Amino acid sequence: MELLFAAPALPLEEAGKYVAGAYIVFVVLLVVYVAIMAAKVQRIERELREVAAIAEERKEERREEVNA
């Protein structure tokens, strides 16, 4: 009975394929996550530029009103 628990679940030759597969899946998921985060950062930067442009326009309008 003790021999059953002492033996590995898979021979090491076969287990290597599964370990490599697990690493590949992990790396793919990591790359997908980084790509999603990069897309979000780009969208936020674009929106911040739009907000800054609107704020600058309002600032110019107020300057014109004060000078008029």
Protein backbone atom coordinates (compact mmCIF):
# COMPACT_ATOMS: atom_id res chain seq x y z
CA MET A 1 0.00 0.00 0.00
CA GLU A 2 2.82 2.44 0.80
CA LEU A 3 4.40 1.81 -2.60
CA LEU A 4 1.25 3.16 -4.29
CA PHE A 5 1.60 6.54 -2.59
CA ALA A 6 5.37 6.71 -3.12
CA ALA A 7 5.21 6.30 -6.90
CA PRO A 8 4.79 9.48 -8.99
CA ALA A 9 1.49 9.94 -10.79
CA LEU A 10 3.21 10.03 -14.20
CA PRO A 11 6.62 8.90 -15.31
CA LEU A 12 8.96 11.88 -15.54
CA GLU A 13 9.32 11.48 -19.32
CA GLU A 14 5.58 12.02 -19.79
CA ALA A 15 5.17 14.65 -17.11
CA GLY A 16 7.60 16.99 -18.88
CA LYS A 17 5.14 17.48 -21.74
CA TYR A 18 2.42 18.54 -19.34
CA VAL A 19 4.70 20.90 -17.45
CA ALA A 20 5.81 22.51 -20.72
CA GLY A 21 2.17 22.79 -21.80
CA ALA A 22 1.24 24.44 -18.52
CA TYR A 23 4.05 26.98 -18.92
CA ILE A 24 2.94 27.72 -22.48
CA VAL A 25 -0.65 28.29 -21.36
CA PHE A 26 0.58 30.54 -18.55
CA VAL A 27 2.73 32.62 -20.91
CA VAL A 28 -0.12 32.95 -23.41
CA LEU A 29 -2.49 34.12 -20.69
CA LEU A 30 0.12 36.57 -19.44
CA VAL A 31 0.60 38.02 -22.93
CA VAL A 32 -3.16 38.35 -23.39
CA TYR A 33 -3.44 40.12 -20.02
CA VAL A 34 -0.63 42.55 -20.90
CA ALA A 35 -2.25 43.25 -24.28
CA ILE A 36 -5.59 44.02 -22.63
CA MET A 37 -3.92 46.33 -20.09
CA ALA A 38 -2.01 48.11 -22.88
CA ALA A 39 -5.25 48.68 -24.79
CA LYS A 40 -6.88 50.09 -21.66
CA VAL A 41 -3.95 52.43 -21.03
CA GLN A 42 -4.11 53.69 -24.61
CA ARG A 43 -7.85 54.33 -24.31
CA ILE A 44 -7.40 56.19 -21.02
CA GLU A 45 -4.57 58.30 -22.46
CA ARG A 46 -6.75 59.22 -25.46
CA GLU A 47 -9.65 60.18 -23.20
CA LEU A 48 -7.33 62.25 -20.98
CA ARG A 49 -6.07 64.13 -24.05
CA GLU A 50 -9.67 64.86 -25.04
CA VAL A 51 -10.49 66.13 -21.55
CA ALA A 52 -7.34 68.28 -21.54
CA ALA A 53 -8.30 69.75 -24.92
CA ILE A 54 -11.79 70.59 -23.67
CA ALA A 55 -10.34 72.19 -20.53
CA GLU A 56 -7.91 74.23 -22.64
CA GLU A 57 -10.76 75.41 -24.88
CA ARG A 58 -12.79 76.53 -21.86
CA LYS A 59 -9.74 78.29 -20.45
CA GLU A 60 -9.28 80.20 -23.73
CA GLU A 61 -13.00 81.10 -23.78
CA ARG A 62 -12.76 82.53 -20.25
CA ARG A 63 -9.67 84.56 -21.20
CA GLU A 64 -11.54 85.98 -24.19
CA GLU A 65 -14.54 86.86 -22.02
CA VAL A 66 -12.33 88.66 -19.49
CA ASN A 67 -10.45 90.54 -22.20
CA ALA A 68 -13.65 91.56 -24.05
